[in-house]
Amino acid sequence: MEEVNKNANGANAAEAAEPKQLNFIEEIITNDLESGKYQSILTRFPPEPNGYLHIGHAKSICLNFGLAKKYGGKTNIRFDDTNPTKEDVEYVDAIKEDIKWLGFEWANEFYASDYFEQLYTWAQELIKKGLAYVDDQSQEEIRLNRGTVSTPGKNSPWRDRSVEENLRLFEEMRQGRYKEGEKVLRAKIDMAHPNMLFRDPLMYRINYSHHHRTGNKWCIYPMYDYAHGQSDSIEHITHSICTLEFDVHRPLYDWFIEKLGIFPSHQYEFARLNLTYTVMSKRKLLELVKNGYVTGWDDPRMPTICGIRRRGYTPESIRMFAEKVGVAKRDNTIDLSLMEWCVRDDLNKRANRYMGVLNPVKVVITNWEPGKVEYFEGALNPADPDGAKRSIPFTGELYIEREDFMEEPPKKYFRLKPGGEVRLKYSYIIKCEEVVKDANGEITEIRCTYDPTTRPGTGEWRSVKGTIHWVSVEHCKPVEVRLIDKLFTEPYMDQIPEGKDYKDYLNPESMIVKTAYTEPALAEDRSGIAVQFERVGYFVKDKDSTDEKPVYNRTTGLKDTFKK
């Protein structure tokens, strides 16, 4: 059973007072610098531009760029563009935007395609050393002849070609003389090696797809295991940090570098991020987009960085989340509530406050002078009591949340009830005198009286136990709100039963659209981040908004709603 991190409360005061221990990668870097192995460090973030980045990539970005910042080093971005079939400049641009949004700048922008000529030359060197050969076997034959963990593989019948023939055939592959799948270049290592990746791994395959940068210049492309380590070496990357699934690839990474005698970059692995109620497979995310289960890569229910951004998460909250998750050596699953805690913690300090009613019922103040309007003052942010204020109009007809009134309330119910009193936030105390219903028994109107002596700042302060939010019917503004919830109903999407499809667990209530009514000051908000609808949650203005129809996505509620 995977370990689940459910610490959504952050570090307590005692923890904060203690010096933070170094994670294992920080220990390695510290030792490398203190021993003089390196004078400075250089990390890299190497995404393949075949899709949009997700929260797992965000953790990797924060780690690579964060380490460089901590130790006075630098970070390169390098696009692993060795598969032209799936890659596109659209993804390149989106990835760069995501990195910048997270608050990081790269030292250099590189592409694996920058090194195609050098990689080709090195492949020729390996052929000359008798360490690579051209194989005519089909993909299926190569797979079948690789053997299993318990049985050795079989040598290719083309394995013992001469150096001269291999060089000629490899050059002819580059010249486009062969069909896709007709020939490949393989490293010559050991078909009986216990590490399956060492059983003559593929180095090059033929692909006639148009490349987003090199066009049709190349028709042979290096495989990941060949290109990655050499690209690190060319850039003199000191610490190549990958997720844990690449640990079995590290010996091959080292083998190519050793046989070529080039700069010895070294790979280190950390546990990838797994998140409850989430899938992070690019294939699955692409399927959700292409088949219309979501509205696009930036759908606010998606775990993509652009989706998370559209939902109202701040870069500060994502960096905080990455820090709290930490760096581990074994896989675990992080509870989604931790990420929500981080954004609440950040927004609580910075978000402007407004009142918004999502499920309204009308309150009529029977002793209010008809046509009279009073204005109350509310702080935009309680964390800055001396900061900007907003003006809130008050009239004789108001909307309150339907959930803030009960005809037959239980004990210790402190919101509005027949004969009961509540304070309307920032304004007067009101008392429920009468309830009006329609023919179906639905409450259509709550008639109340107000106590004019309870205006804040005048007279004697009278305390009541309940305080609720409200908006003036005359002055409120209708807005579309999208109540965003988790995309899946199952917390452990990597453990669904065999025979089940992950789409079977899509949450039918992951987005509920409704009309809310907000105080007029919201229309003037220029903060650029999510705002708090008081007592309701955090909401961010969506790109679908127009002047006539504002749209707000719920970032998160005010409390953790996820079941533990």
Protein backbone atom coordinates (compact mmCIF):
# COMPACT_ATOMS: atom_id res chain seq x y z
CA MET A 1 0.00 0.00 0.00
CA GLU A 2 1.36 3.38 -0.97
CA GLU A 3 2.20 5.85 1.72
CA VAL A 4 -0.22 8.76 1.75
CA ASN A 5 0.85 12.18 2.94
CA LYS A 6 -2.16 13.78 4.58
CA ASN A 7 -0.41 16.60 6.37
CA ALA A 8 -2.56 19.42 5.14
CA ASN A 9 -1.84 21.55 8.18
CA GLY A 10 1.61 22.65 7.15
CA ALA A 11 4.53 23.01 9.49
CA ASN A 12 3.71 23.93 13.03
CA ALA A 13 5.61 26.52 15.03
CA ALA A 14 7.96 23.95 16.58
CA GLU A 15 8.85 22.57 13.17
CA ALA A 16 9.42 26.04 11.81
CA ALA A 17 11.86 26.79 14.61
CA GLU A 18 14.02 23.79 13.80
CA PRO A 19 16.66 24.02 11.06
CA LYS A 20 15.44 22.31 7.94
CA GLN A 21 17.26 19.07 7.18
CA LEU A 22 18.84 18.60 3.78
CA ASN A 23 17.18 16.12 1.46
CA PHE A 24 19.39 13.43 -0.09
CA ILE A 25 20.00 15.40 -3.30
CA GLU A 26 20.97 18.50 -1.31
CA GLU A 27 23.39 16.35 0.69
CA ILE A 28 24.98 15.10 -2.55
CA ILE A 29 25.33 18.62 -3.95
CA THR A 30 26.71 19.98 -0.68
CA ASN A 31 29.36 17.23 -0.59
CA ASP A 32 30.23 17.75 -4.27
CA LEU A 33 30.81 21.47 -3.72
CA GLU A 34 32.67 21.09 -0.43
CA SER A 35 34.95 18.40 -1.86
CA GLY A 36 35.78 20.56 -4.85
CA LYS A 37 34.30 18.10 -7.34
CA TYR A 38 32.40 21.03 -8.83
CA GLN A 39 32.89 24.75 -8.42
CA SER A 40 29.25 25.39 -9.26
CA ILE A 41 26.23 23.31 -10.19
CA LEU A 42 24.21 23.19 -13.40
CA THR A 43 20.84 21.42 -13.52
CA ARG A 44 18.36 21.09 -16.37
CA PHE A 45 14.67 20.62 -16.98
CA PRO A 46 14.24 18.45 -20.12
CA PRO A 47 10.57 18.15 -21.14
CA GLU A 48 9.46 16.44 -24.32
CA PRO A 49 7.26 18.94 -26.22
CA ASN A 50 4.45 16.44 -26.84
CA GLY A 51 1.86 17.80 -24.42
CA TYR A 52 1.20 20.29 -21.66
CA LEU A 53 3.01 20.14 -18.33
CA HIS A 54 1.15 18.93 -15.24
CA ILE A 55 1.58 19.26 -11.48
CA GLY A 56 4.16 16.44 -11.47
CA HIS A 57 6.32 18.48 -13.85
CA ALA A 58 5.81 21.50 -11.60
CA LYS A 59 7.45 19.60 -8.77
CA SER A 60 10.41 18.74 -11.02
CA ILE A 61 10.68 22.36 -12.18
CA CYS A 62 10.67 23.63 -8.60
CA LEU A 63 13.30 21.05 -7.63
CA ASN A 64 15.72 21.70 -10.51
CA PHE A 65 15.43 25.48 -10.48
CA GLY A 66 15.21 25.59 -6.68
CA LEU A 67 18.45 23.63 -6.22
CA ALA A 68 20.29 25.87 -8.65
CA LYS A 69 19.02 28.96 -6.85
CA LYS A 70 19.91 27.59 -3.41
CA TYR A 71 23.47 26.72 -4.39
CA GLY A 72 24.18 29.70 -6.63
CA GLY A 73 24.06 27.63 -9.81
CA LYS A 74 22.05 27.72 -13.02
CA THR A 75 19.38 25.68 -14.79
CA ASN A 76 18.98 25.02 -18.51
CA ILE A 77 15.76 24.19 -20.25
CA ARG A 78 16.24 21.57 -22.93
CA PHE A 79 13.43 20.29 -25.09
CA ASP A 80 13.81 16.57 -25.73
CA ASP A 81 12.56 16.84 -29.32
CA THR A 82 13.66 13.46 -30.67
CA ASN A 83 10.19 12.20 -31.65
CA PRO A 84 8.81 14.43 -34.43
CA THR A 85 5.60 12.39 -34.72
CA LYS A 86 4.17 13.77 -31.45
CA GLU A 87 5.96 17.09 -30.94
CA ASP A 88 4.83 20.59 -31.77
CA VAL A 89 5.90 24.20 -31.28
CA GLU A 90 2.56 24.77 -29.50
CA TYR A 91 3.81 22.65 -26.63
CA VAL A 92 7.21 24.37 -26.62
CA ASP A 93 5.57 27.77 -26.13
CA ALA A 94 3.19 26.45 -23.46
CA ILE A 95 6.04 24.85 -21.49
CA LYS A 96 8.07 28.05 -21.47
CA GLU A 97 5.02 30.02 -20.34
CA ASP A 98 4.42 27.55 -17.48
CA ILE A 99 8.01 27.78 -16.24
CA LYS A 100 7.91 31.57 -16.26
CA TRP A 101 4.55 31.57 -14.48
CA LEU A 102 6.04 29.42 -11.72
CA GLY A 103 8.60 32.19 -11.23
CA PHE A 104 11.74 30.73 -12.82
CA GLU A 105 14.14 31.84 -15.54
CA TRP A 106 16.45 29.45 -17.35
CA ALA A 107 20.12 30.15 -18.10
CA ASN A 108 20.02 28.68 -21.61
CA GLU A 109 17.35 27.34 -23.92
CA PHE A 110 18.48 24.22 -25.78
CA TYR A 111 16.94 21.47 -27.86
CA ALA A 112 18.11 17.89 -28.28
CA SER A 113 17.88 18.66 -32.00
CA ASP A 114 20.73 21.17 -31.49
CA TYR A 115 22.95 18.14 -30.94
CA PHE A 116 21.78 15.86 -33.76
CA GLU A 117 25.03 16.27 -35.72
CA GLN A 118 27.20 15.64 -32.67
CA LEU A 119 25.09 12.63 -31.63
CA TYR A 120 25.42 11.23 -35.13
CA THR A 121 29.22 11.64 -35.04
CA TRP A 122 29.40 9.92 -31.66
CA ALA A 123 27.27 7.06 -32.97
CA GLN A 124 29.81 6.64 -35.75
CA GLU A 125 32.57 6.52 -33.12
CA LEU A 126 30.75 3.74 -31.27
CA ILE A 127 30.44 1.81 -34.55
CA LYS A 128 34.18 2.22 -35.14
CA LYS A 129 34.83 0.88 -31.62
CA GLY A 130 32.71 -2.17 -32.38
CA LEU A 131 30.07 -1.00 -29.90
CA ALA A 132 27.17 -0.37 -32.28
CA TYR A 133 25.69 -2.05 -35.35
CA VAL A 134 22.88 -1.71 -37.89
CA ASP A 135 20.14 -4.30 -37.37
CA ASP A 136 17.67 -5.39 -40.08
CA GLN A 137 15.29 -7.15 -37.71
CA SER A 138 11.74 -5.88 -37.41
CA GLN A 139 10.52 -4.27 -34.23
CA GLU A 140 8.61 -7.44 -33.36
CA GLU A 141 11.67 -9.66 -33.98
CA ILE A 142 13.80 -7.42 -31.78
CA ARG A 143 11.19 -7.62 -29.03
CA LEU A 144 10.92 -11.41 -29.20
CA ASN A 145 14.68 -11.91 -29.32
CA ARG A 146 15.33 -9.69 -26.30
CA GLY A 147 14.41 -12.54 -23.96
CA THR A 148 12.92 -12.17 -20.49
CA VAL A 149 14.17 -11.36 -17.02
CA SER A 150 14.80 -15.06 -16.47
CA THR A 151 15.98 -16.03 -19.98
CA PRO A 152 18.78 -14.46 -22.04
CA GLY A 153 18.12 -12.81 -25.37
CA LYS A 154 19.31 -14.00 -28.78
CA ASN A 155 21.95 -12.23 -30.79
CA SER A 156 20.73 -10.58 -33.96
CA PRO A 157 21.90 -12.34 -37.16
CA TRP A 158 23.24 -8.90 -38.19
CA ARG A 159 25.18 -8.31 -34.96
CA ASP A 160 28.57 -9.22 -36.41
CA ARG A 161 28.53 -6.96 -39.41
CA SER A 162 31.88 -5.34 -40.11
CA VAL A 163 32.64 -1.82 -38.97
CA GLU A 164 32.82 -0.70 -42.61
CA GLU A 165 29.43 -2.16 -43.49
CA ASN A 166 27.81 -0.66 -40.38
CA LEU A 167 29.23 2.78 -41.16
CA ARG A 168 27.97 2.56 -44.75
CA LEU A 169 24.51 1.35 -43.75
CA PHE A 170 24.20 3.99 -41.03
CA GLU A 171 25.11 6.70 -43.53
CA GLU A 172 22.55 5.29 -45.97
CA MET A 173 19.93 5.37 -43.19
CA ARG A 174 20.65 9.07 -42.80
CA GLN A 175 20.38 9.58 -46.56
CA GLY A 176 16.86 8.16 -46.56
CA ARG A 177 17.53 5.00 -48.54
CA TYR A 178 15.44 2.77 -46.29
CA LYS A 179 11.85 2.59 -45.15
CA GLU A 180 10.69 3.19 -41.58
CA GLY A 181 11.30 0.05 -39.54
CA GLU A 182 13.61 -1.47 -42.17
CA LYS A 183 16.77 -0.80 -40.18
CA VAL A 184 17.79 0.48 -36.74
CA LEU A 185 21.07 1.24 -35.05
CA ARG A 186 21.70 -0.69 -31.83
CA ALA A 187 24.41 -0.57 -29.20
CA LYS A 188 26.37 -3.79 -28.96
CA ILE A 189 26.52 -4.67 -25.27
CA ASP A 190 25.25 -8.03 -23.99
CA MET A 191 22.08 -9.91 -24.95
CA ALA A 192 22.30 -11.89 -21.71
CA HIS A 193 22.68 -8.88 -19.42
CA PRO A 194 20.48 -9.05 -16.28
CA ASN A 195 19.42 -5.43 -16.93
CA MET A 196 17.10 -5.78 -19.92
CA LEU A 197 18.00 -2.26 -21.07
CA PHE A 198 21.55 -3.47 -21.75
CA ARG A 199 20.43 -6.05 -24.27
CA ASP A 200 21.62 -4.16 -27.31
CA PRO A 201 19.38 -1.10 -26.87
CA LEU A 202 18.18 0.88 -29.87
CA MET A 203 20.11 4.06 -30.56
CA TYR A 204 18.46 5.29 -33.80
CA ARG A 205 15.28 4.56 -35.73
CA ILE A 206 14.05 5.81 -39.10
CA ASN A 207 11.21 8.36 -39.05
CA TYR A 208 10.14 10.48 -42.03
CA SER A 209 7.89 12.84 -40.05
CA HIS A 210 8.38 16.59 -40.34
CA HIS A 211 10.34 17.97 -37.36
CA HIS A 212 9.14 21.24 -35.80
CA ARG A 213 12.69 22.71 -35.89
CA THR A 214 14.81 20.76 -38.38
CA GLY A 215 12.07 20.19 -40.94
CA ASN A 216 13.00 17.28 -43.22
CA LYS A 217 16.76 17.51 -42.72
CA TRP A 218 16.82 14.32 -40.67
CA CYS A 219 15.06 11.03 -41.18
CA ILE A 220 16.87 9.17 -38.38
CA TYR A 221 16.29 10.15 -34.76
CA PRO A 222 18.14 9.17 -31.58
CA MET A 223 16.37 7.22 -28.85
CA TYR A 224 15.99 8.70 -25.37
CA ASP A 225 18.58 6.47 -23.69
CA TYR A 226 21.18 7.45 -26.25
CA ALA A 227 20.41 11.15 -26.57
CA HIS A 228 19.71 12.10 -22.97
CA GLY A 229 23.02 11.44 -21.26
CA GLN A 230 25.01 12.83 -24.16
CA SER A 231 22.94 16.00 -24.19
CA ASP A 232 23.61 16.40 -20.47
CA SER A 233 27.31 15.88 -21.14
CA ILE A 234 27.44 18.47 -23.95
CA GLU A 235 25.92 21.05 -21.61
CA HIS A 236 28.16 19.96 -18.70
CA ILE A 237 25.16 19.27 -16.49
CA THR A 238 26.51 18.40 -13.05
CA HIS A 239 23.37 16.93 -11.52
CA SER A 240 20.87 15.33 -13.90
CA ILE A 241 17.77 14.86 -11.76
CA CYS A 242 15.10 12.41 -12.97
CA THR A 243 12.11 10.66 -11.50
CA LEU A 244 12.46 7.23 -9.96
CA GLU A 245 11.35 5.21 -12.99
CA PHE A 246 14.62 6.17 -14.69
CA ASP A 247 16.84 4.52 -12.08
CA VAL A 248 17.16 1.36 -14.23
CA HIS A 249 18.26 3.58 -17.11
CA ARG A 250 21.15 5.12 -15.13
CA PRO A 251 23.69 2.33 -15.85
CA LEU A 252 23.06 2.75 -19.58
CA TYR A 253 23.31 6.53 -19.19
CA ASP A 254 26.75 5.98 -17.62
CA TRP A 255 27.78 3.35 -20.20
CA PHE A 256 27.39 5.65 -23.20
CA ILE A 257 29.27 8.48 -21.45
CA GLU A 258 32.08 6.15 -20.42
CA LYS A 259 32.49 4.56 -23.87
CA LEU A 260 32.56 7.96 -25.55
CA GLY A 261 34.96 9.42 -22.98
CA ILE A 262 32.99 12.65 -22.59
CA PHE A 263 32.08 14.92 -19.65
CA PRO A 264 30.72 12.65 -16.90
CA SER A 265 27.30 14.05 -16.10
CA HIS A 266 25.59 11.97 -13.43
CA GLN A 267 21.93 11.07 -12.97
CA TYR A 268 20.05 11.11 -9.65
CA GLU A 269 16.49 9.92 -9.14
CA PHE A 270 13.70 11.08 -6.86
CA ALA A 271 10.15 9.86 -6.35
CA ARG A 272 7.66 11.22 -8.85
CA LEU A 273 4.58 13.04 -7.61
CA ASN A 274 1.40 10.99 -7.36
CA LEU A 275 -1.72 12.87 -6.34
CA THR A 276 -5.06 11.52 -5.13
CA TYR A 277 -8.09 11.86 -7.42
CA THR A 278 -5.78 12.56 -10.33
CA VAL A 279 -4.27 10.95 -13.44
CA MET A 280 -1.05 12.36 -14.83
CA SER A 281 -0.40 10.12 -17.78
CA LYS A 282 0.04 12.32 -20.86
CA ARG A 283 -1.78 9.68 -22.90
CA LYS A 284 -4.81 9.76 -20.60
CA LEU A 285 -4.84 13.55 -20.36
CA LEU A 286 -4.69 13.77 -24.15
CA GLU A 287 -7.61 11.35 -24.39
CA LEU A 288 -9.66 13.46 -21.97
CA VAL A 289 -9.03 16.52 -24.16
CA LYS A 290 -9.52 14.91 -27.58
CA ASN A 291 -12.71 13.09 -26.64
CA GLY A 292 -14.33 16.09 -24.98
CA TYR A 293 -14.40 14.89 -21.38
CA VAL A 294 -12.88 18.28 -20.53
CA THR A 295 -12.93 21.54 -22.45
CA GLY A 296 -9.21 21.61 -23.19
CA TRP A 297 -5.71 21.32 -21.74
CA ASP A 298 -6.42 24.36 -19.56
CA ASP A 299 -9.75 23.12 -18.24
CA PRO A 300 -9.68 24.13 -14.54
CA ARG A 301 -10.35 20.52 -13.53
CA MET A 302 -7.18 19.31 -15.25
CA PRO A 303 -3.91 18.73 -13.34
CA THR A 304 -2.01 20.61 -16.04
CA ILE A 305 -0.16 23.72 -14.93
CA CYS A 306 -2.27 25.84 -17.28
CA GLY A 307 -5.44 24.22 -15.86
CA ILE A 308 -4.31 24.79 -12.30
CA ARG A 309 -3.49 28.40 -13.17
CA ARG A 310 -6.93 28.89 -14.70
CA ARG A 311 -8.48 27.44 -11.54
CA GLY A 312 -6.89 30.22 -9.53
CA TYR A 313 -3.84 28.60 -8.00
CA THR A 314 -0.95 30.99 -7.54
CA PRO A 315 2.67 30.23 -8.42
CA GLU A 316 3.52 30.88 -4.77
CA SER A 317 1.09 28.16 -3.65
CA ILE A 318 2.50 25.62 -6.12
CA ARG A 319 6.07 26.34 -4.99
CA MET A 320 4.91 25.95 -1.38
CA PHE A 321 3.26 22.66 -2.28
CA ALA A 322 6.41 21.36 -3.95
CA GLU A 323 8.42 22.34 -0.88
CA LYS A 324 6.04 20.57 1.50
CA VAL A 325 5.93 17.41 -0.61
CA GLY A 326 9.71 17.31 -0.42
CA VAL A 327 12.14 14.96 -2.12
CA ALA A 328 11.82 11.27 -1.40
CA LYS A 329 13.57 8.11 -2.58
CA ARG A 330 10.43 6.01 -2.85
CA ASP A 331 7.07 6.61 -4.46
CA ASN A 332 4.18 7.84 -2.36
CA THR A 333 0.80 9.42 -2.94
CA ILE A 334 0.11 12.94 -1.78
CA ASP A 335 -3.39 13.86 -0.68
CA LEU A 336 -4.93 16.54 -2.87
CA SER A 337 -6.00 18.38 0.28
CA LEU A 338 -2.38 19.42 0.87
CA MET A 339 -2.33 21.32 -2.41
CA GLU A 340 -5.63 22.96 -1.50
CA TRP A 341 -4.25 23.89 1.92
CA CYS A 342 -1.30 25.61 0.25
CA VAL A 343 -3.45 27.77 -2.02
CA ARG A 344 -5.76 28.69 0.87
CA ASP A 345 -2.78 29.64 2.97
CA ASP A 346 -1.44 31.90 0.24
CA LEU A 347 -4.75 33.46 -0.77
CA ASN A 348 -5.82 34.05 2.82
CA LYS A 349 -3.00 36.58 3.13
CA ARG A 350 -3.51 38.29 -0.22
CA ALA A 351 -7.00 37.81 -1.64
CA ASN A 352 -9.50 40.66 -1.67
CA ARG A 353 -12.83 39.96 0.05
CA TYR A 354 -16.30 40.38 -1.38
CA MET A 355 -19.71 38.99 -0.57
CA GLY A 356 -21.37 36.63 -3.01
CA VAL A 357 -24.55 34.58 -2.62
CA LEU A 358 -24.64 31.29 -4.53
CA ASN A 359 -28.09 29.98 -3.56
CA PRO A 360 -30.22 33.02 -2.82
CA VAL A 361 -33.41 33.52 -0.90
CA LYS A 362 -34.89 37.01 -0.52
CA VAL A 363 -34.97 38.84 2.81
CA VAL A 364 -37.37 41.79 3.07
CA ILE A 365 -36.71 44.32 5.86
CA THR A 366 -40.24 45.35 6.79
CA ASN A 367 -39.30 48.38 8.91
CA TRP A 368 -36.90 49.78 6.31
CA GLU A 369 -37.80 53.10 4.67
CA PRO A 370 -38.81 52.41 1.03
CA GLY A 371 -36.17 53.57 -1.48
CA LYS A 372 -33.60 54.25 1.21
CA VAL A 373 -29.97 53.18 0.53
CA GLU A 374 -27.24 53.09 3.16
CA TYR A 375 -23.58 52.24 2.59
CA PHE A 376 -21.29 50.22 4.78
CA GLU A 377 -17.53 49.91 4.64
CA GLY A 378 -15.59 46.67 4.42
CA ALA A 379 -11.85 46.04 4.25
CA LEU A 380 -10.68 44.56 0.96
CA ASN A 381 -8.27 42.45 2.95
CA PRO A 382 -8.54 41.98 6.72
CA ALA A 383 -4.81 41.23 6.83
CA ASP A 384 -4.31 44.90 5.97
CA PRO A 385 -6.79 46.75 8.20
CA ASP A 386 -5.37 50.11 7.12
CA GLY A 387 -5.59 49.22 3.44
CA ALA A 388 -8.25 49.89 0.84
CA LYS A 389 -11.93 49.67 1.67
CA ARG A 390 -14.97 48.87 -0.39
CA SER A 391 -18.40 50.45 -0.19
CA ILE A 392 -21.31 48.03 0.27
CA PRO A 393 -24.89 49.22 -0.43
CA PHE A 394 -27.70 48.17 1.92
CA THR A 395 -31.41 48.30 1.08
CA GLY A 396 -34.70 46.88 2.27
CA GLU A 397 -34.47 43.84 0.00
CA LEU A 398 -31.48 41.52 0.32
CA TYR A 399 -30.31 38.09 -0.76
CA ILE A 400 -28.87 35.65 1.75
CA GLU A 401 -27.79 32.04 1.29
CA ARG A 402 -30.73 29.70 1.49
CA GLU A 403 -28.55 27.46 3.68
CA ASP A 404 -28.30 30.28 6.24
CA PHE A 405 -31.98 29.92 7.23
CA MET A 406 -33.78 26.99 8.83
CA GLU A 407 -37.41 26.82 9.91
CA GLU A 408 -36.78 23.98 12.33
CA PRO A 409 -33.15 24.32 13.32
CA PRO A 410 -31.26 21.92 15.57
CA LYS A 411 -29.79 23.05 18.85
CA LYS A 412 -26.81 25.39 18.65
CA TYR A 413 -27.90 26.64 15.23
CA PHE A 414 -26.70 30.23 15.16
CA ARG A 415 -27.85 31.38 11.75
CA LEU A 416 -31.27 32.85 10.88
CA LYS A 417 -34.40 31.10 12.18
CA PRO A 418 -38.00 32.09 13.03
CA GLY A 419 -37.83 34.58 15.90
CA GLY A 420 -34.05 34.47 15.83
CA GLU A 421 -31.48 37.19 15.25
CA VAL A 422 -28.29 37.34 13.19
CA ARG A 423 -25.93 40.09 12.25
CA LEU A 424 -25.63 40.85 8.57
CA LYS A 425 -21.88 41.16 8.07
CA TYR A 426 -20.63 44.78 8.23
CA SER A 427 -24.18 46.02 8.96
CA TYR A 428 -27.26 45.62 11.14
CA ILE A 429 -28.75 42.89 13.28
CA ILE A 430 -31.99 41.54 11.82
CA LYS A 431 -34.76 39.39 13.35
CA CYS A 432 -36.92 36.91 11.44
CA GLU A 433 -40.60 37.75 11.85
CA GLU A 434 -42.35 35.81 9.07
CA VAL A 435 -41.71 33.19 6.37
CA VAL A 436 -43.50 33.32 2.97
CA LYS A 437 -43.87 30.15 0.89
CA ASP A 438 -45.21 29.26 -2.53
CA ALA A 439 -47.82 26.62 -3.37
CA ASN A 440 -45.15 23.89 -3.27
CA GLY A 441 -44.01 24.85 0.21
CA GLU A 442 -40.80 26.44 -1.09
CA ILE A 443 -39.64 29.47 0.88
CA THR A 444 -39.79 32.51 -1.38
CA GLU A 445 -39.29 35.32 1.13
CA ILE A 446 -38.12 35.83 4.69
CA ARG A 447 -39.55 38.94 6.35
CA CYS A 448 -37.40 40.53 9.01
CA THR A 449 -37.00 43.67 11.04
CA TYR A 450 -33.71 45.43 11.62
CA ASP A 451 -32.42 47.08 14.75
CA PRO A 452 -31.24 50.59 13.74
CA THR A 453 -29.17 50.89 16.91
CA THR A 454 -26.84 48.08 15.80
CA ARG A 455 -25.09 49.87 12.96
CA PRO A 456 -21.33 49.25 13.46
CA GLY A 457 -19.51 52.24 14.82
CA THR A 458 -22.61 53.88 16.33
CA GLY A 459 -24.39 53.45 19.60
CA GLU A 460 -23.82 50.45 21.79
CA TRP A 461 -22.45 47.25 20.29
CA ARG A 462 -24.87 44.35 20.69
CA SER A 463 -23.52 40.90 20.14
CA VAL A 464 -25.34 37.95 18.55
CA LYS A 465 -23.86 34.52 17.91
CA GLY A 466 -24.48 34.35 14.17
CA THR A 467 -23.10 36.49 11.35
CA ILE A 468 -24.08 35.83 7.72
CA HIS A 469 -23.28 37.40 4.36
CA TRP A 470 -25.71 39.14 2.03
CA VAL A 471 -26.08 41.37 -1.02
CA SER A 472 -28.55 44.08 -1.93
CA VAL A 473 -31.10 42.87 -4.48
CA GLU A 474 -31.11 46.27 -6.16
CA HIS A 475 -27.33 46.61 -6.45
CA CYS A 476 -25.99 43.05 -6.76
CA LYS A 477 -24.44 41.77 -9.96
CA PRO A 478 -25.19 38.33 -11.42
CA VAL A 479 -22.09 36.26 -12.27
CA GLU A 480 -21.66 32.74 -13.56
CA VAL A 481 -19.79 30.56 -11.09
CA ARG A 482 -18.25 27.21 -11.90
CA LEU A 483 -18.02 25.08 -8.81
CA ILE A 484 -14.90 23.03 -9.57
CA ASP A 485 -14.38 19.75 -7.72
CA LYS A 486 -12.01 16.82 -8.11
CA LEU A 487 -12.06 15.27 -11.59
CA PHE A 488 -12.28 11.66 -10.41
CA THR A 489 -14.23 9.92 -7.66
CA GLU A 490 -11.51 7.38 -6.83
CA PRO A 491 -8.56 8.63 -4.74
CA TYR A 492 -6.02 6.09 -5.98
CA MET A 493 -6.38 6.17 -9.75
CA ASP A 494 -3.27 4.03 -10.18
CA GLN A 495 -4.93 1.21 -8.25
CA ILE A 496 -8.26 0.81 -10.05
CA PRO A 497 -9.40 -2.81 -10.46
CA GLU A 498 -8.30 -4.78 -13.48
CA GLY A 499 -10.83 -4.56 -16.30
CA LYS A 500 -11.97 -1.11 -15.25
CA ASP A 501 -11.31 1.98 -17.35
CA TYR A 502 -10.06 5.12 -15.64
CA LYS A 503 -12.86 7.07 -17.33
CA ASP A 504 -15.38 5.00 -15.35
CA TYR A 505 -14.37 7.10 -12.36
CA LEU A 506 -14.93 10.54 -13.86
CA ASN A 507 -16.80 12.71 -11.37
CA PRO A 508 -20.16 13.81 -12.87
CA GLU A 509 -20.17 16.76 -10.46
CA SER A 510 -16.61 17.92 -11.18
CA MET A 511 -18.04 21.20 -12.52
CA ILE A 512 -21.42 22.59 -11.50
CA VAL A 513 -22.42 25.86 -13.20
CA LYS A 514 -24.82 28.27 -11.52
CA THR A 515 -25.58 31.97 -11.15
CA ALA A 516 -24.38 33.81 -8.08
CA TYR A 517 -25.10 37.36 -6.94
CA THR A 518 -22.22 39.52 -5.77
CA GLU A 519 -21.74 42.95 -4.29
CA PRO A 520 -21.03 45.57 -6.98
CA ALA A 521 -17.45 46.25 -5.85
CA LEU A 522 -16.36 42.89 -7.27
CA ALA A 523 -16.72 44.28 -10.80
CA GLU A 524 -13.93 46.75 -10.02
CA ASP A 525 -11.45 44.21 -8.70
CA ARG A 526 -8.07 44.48 -10.43
CA SER A 527 -6.02 42.29 -8.08
CA GLY A 528 -5.23 39.73 -10.78
CA ILE A 529 -5.58 36.81 -8.37
CA ALA A 530 -8.46 34.86 -6.90
CA VAL A 531 -10.79 36.68 -4.52
CA GLN A 532 -12.62 35.35 -1.50
CA PHE A 533 -16.38 35.21 -1.48
CA GLU A 534 -16.74 35.60 2.26
CA ARG A 535 -17.88 32.45 4.07
CA VAL A 536 -17.99 30.59 0.72
CA GLY A 537 -14.57 30.10 -0.84
CA TYR A 538 -11.97 31.45 -3.24
CA PHE A 539 -12.96 32.28 -6.82
CA VAL A 540 -10.97 33.51 -9.79
CA LYS A 541 -12.20 35.38 -12.84
CA ASP A 542 -12.12 33.11 -15.90
CA LYS A 543 -10.95 33.96 -19.40
CA ASP A 544 -14.49 33.23 -20.67
CA SER A 545 -15.69 36.37 -18.89
CA THR A 546 -17.22 39.24 -20.81
CA ASP A 547 -18.31 42.67 -19.60
CA GLU A 548 -21.90 41.48 -19.78
CA LYS A 549 -21.26 38.07 -18.23
CA PRO A 550 -18.44 37.66 -15.70
CA VAL A 551 -17.42 34.04 -15.07
CA TYR A 552 -15.70 32.84 -11.89
CA ASN A 553 -14.10 29.46 -11.19
CA ARG A 554 -14.01 28.16 -7.63
CA THR A 555 -10.39 27.66 -6.68
CA THR A 556 -11.14 25.98 -3.38
CA GLY A 557 -13.46 26.18 -0.43
CA LEU A 558 -12.50 27.77 2.85
CA LYS A 559 -12.13 24.41 4.55
CA ASP A 560 -10.74 21.05 3.57
CA THR A 561 -13.61 19.08 2.03
CA PHE A 562 -11.74 15.95 1.04
CA LYS A 563 -12.43 12.72 2.85
CA LYS A 564 -9.42 11.24 4.57
